[in-house]
Amino acid sequence: MARDRDLAITLIKDKLDGKTTLNYKEIAELSDFHPKYILKLKKEILDGTISLVHGNKNRKPINAISEEEEMQIVNLYQRSHASIKKFAKFYGKRSYSCIYSVLKKHNLI
């Protein structure tokens, strides 16, 4: 059963408005969340602080490789005659899989 946050929020709002006789444990079972999380959602609804969109949506991950570093890897690799594995070991700042992904993105593999 997949978790359904929207269903949980709707059921909690219905409970607060007196439209349903479900208790919070039953709402938790229906939406596949822990009862404590349902009570946390209830508190957020009552406080008016509930957000339906995740706060980090559309943000670039903090550990993502920058365009400058990506181009540096591409330029260095194009000038080298080493294998990808040796190049990754030489570069040292990023993992083999990261370097491989960058090179594949730029059609060098």
Protein backbone atom coordinates (compact mmCIF):
# COMPACT_ATOMS: atom_id res chain seq x y z
CA MET A 1 0.00 0.00 0.00
CA ALA A 2 1.40 3.36 -0.98
CA ARG A 3 1.35 6.32 1.35
CA ASP A 4 -1.13 8.99 0.39
CA ARG A 5 -0.51 12.32 2.10
CA ASP A 6 -3.33 14.09 0.23
CA LEU A 7 -5.81 11.45 1.42
CA ALA A 8 -4.56 11.83 4.99
CA ILE A 9 -4.94 15.63 4.87
CA THR A 10 -8.44 15.36 3.41
CA LEU A 11 -9.52 12.83 6.06
CA ILE A 12 -8.06 14.95 8.87
CA LYS A 13 -9.87 18.05 7.59
CA ASP A 14 -13.10 16.04 7.36
CA LYS A 15 -12.56 14.84 10.94
CA LEU A 16 -11.98 18.41 12.16
CA ASP A 17 -15.12 19.60 10.32
CA GLY A 18 -17.19 16.74 11.80
CA LYS A 19 -17.88 15.16 8.39
CA THR A 20 -16.49 11.73 9.36
CA THR A 21 -16.50 9.46 12.39
CA LEU A 22 -13.06 7.99 11.69
CA ASN A 23 -10.54 8.26 14.49
CA TYR A 24 -6.93 9.25 13.90
CA LYS A 25 -5.67 5.66 14.15
CA GLU A 26 -8.08 4.64 11.37
CA ILE A 27 -6.97 7.60 9.25
CA ALA A 28 -3.38 6.47 9.78
CA GLU A 29 -4.25 2.94 8.64
CA LEU A 30 -6.14 4.17 5.57
CA SER A 31 -3.35 6.50 4.45
CA ASP A 32 -0.54 4.11 5.54
CA PHE A 33 1.13 6.61 7.88
CA HIS A 34 2.11 6.30 11.53
CA PRO A 35 -0.50 7.71 13.95
CA LYS A 36 2.06 10.19 15.32
CA TYR A 37 2.54 11.61 11.81
CA ILE A 38 -1.24 11.99 11.46
CA LEU A 39 -1.29 14.02 14.68
CA LYS A 40 1.61 16.12 13.36
CA LEU A 41 -0.38 16.79 10.18
CA LYS A 42 -3.41 17.71 12.30
CA LYS A 43 -1.33 20.23 14.24
CA GLU A 44 0.00 21.73 10.98
CA ILE A 45 -3.55 22.02 9.62
CA LEU A 46 -4.76 23.73 12.77
CA ASP A 47 -1.74 26.09 12.81
CA GLY A 48 -2.12 26.83 9.11
CA THR A 49 1.49 25.85 8.43
CA ILE A 50 0.81 22.81 6.24
CA SER A 51 2.60 22.79 2.89
CA LEU A 52 1.51 20.54 0.06
CA VAL A 53 4.78 21.01 -1.84
CA HIS A 54 8.11 19.78 -0.51
CA GLY A 55 10.41 22.62 0.52
CA ASN A 56 13.37 21.41 -1.57
CA LYS A 57 11.41 20.95 -4.79
CA ASN A 58 13.13 22.47 -7.84
CA ARG A 59 16.36 23.10 -5.93
CA LYS A 60 19.70 21.83 -7.17
CA PRO A 61 21.28 19.37 -4.70
CA ILE A 62 24.03 20.93 -2.59
CA ASN A 63 26.55 18.25 -3.61
CA ALA A 64 25.77 18.51 -7.35
CA ILE A 65 28.69 19.14 -9.67
CA SER A 66 28.97 22.69 -10.98
CA GLU A 67 29.08 23.55 -14.69
CA GLU A 68 32.62 24.90 -14.30
CA GLU A 69 33.92 21.70 -12.73
CA GLU A 70 32.06 19.63 -15.32
CA MET A 71 33.75 21.54 -18.15
CA GLN A 72 37.11 21.22 -16.38
CA ILE A 73 36.69 17.43 -16.26
CA VAL A 74 35.72 17.33 -19.95
CA ASN A 75 38.69 19.50 -21.00
CA LEU A 76 41.19 17.51 -18.91
CA TYR A 77 39.88 14.19 -20.17
CA GLN A 78 40.03 15.29 -23.80
CA ARG A 79 43.70 16.22 -23.37
CA SER A 80 44.61 12.99 -21.56
CA HIS A 81 45.23 9.56 -23.04
CA ALA A 82 44.34 7.67 -19.86
CA SER A 83 41.47 5.29 -19.31
CA ILE A 84 38.44 6.57 -17.43
CA LYS A 85 39.45 4.62 -14.34
CA LYS A 86 42.98 6.06 -14.30
CA PHE A 87 41.65 9.54 -15.06
CA ALA A 88 39.18 9.31 -12.15
CA LYS A 89 42.00 8.24 -9.85
CA PHE A 90 44.16 11.13 -11.11
CA TYR A 91 41.36 13.70 -10.75
CA GLY A 92 40.57 12.56 -7.21
CA LYS A 93 37.94 15.19 -6.29
CA ARG A 94 34.98 13.19 -7.62
CA SER A 95 34.06 9.52 -7.75
CA TYR A 96 34.50 7.30 -10.79
CA SER A 97 30.74 7.16 -11.34
CA CYS A 98 30.45 10.96 -11.25
CA ILE A 99 33.23 11.39 -13.80
CA TYR A 100 31.80 8.62 -15.95
CA SER A 101 28.39 10.34 -15.94
CA VAL A 102 29.91 13.68 -16.93
CA LEU A 103 31.86 12.12 -19.80
CA LYS A 104 28.85 10.16 -20.98
CA LYS A 105 26.71 13.32 -20.89
CA HIS A 106 29.22 15.03 -23.19
CA ASN A 107 29.42 12.01 -25.54
CA LEU A 108 33.05 11.22 -24.76
CA ILE A 109 32.35 7.58 -23.98
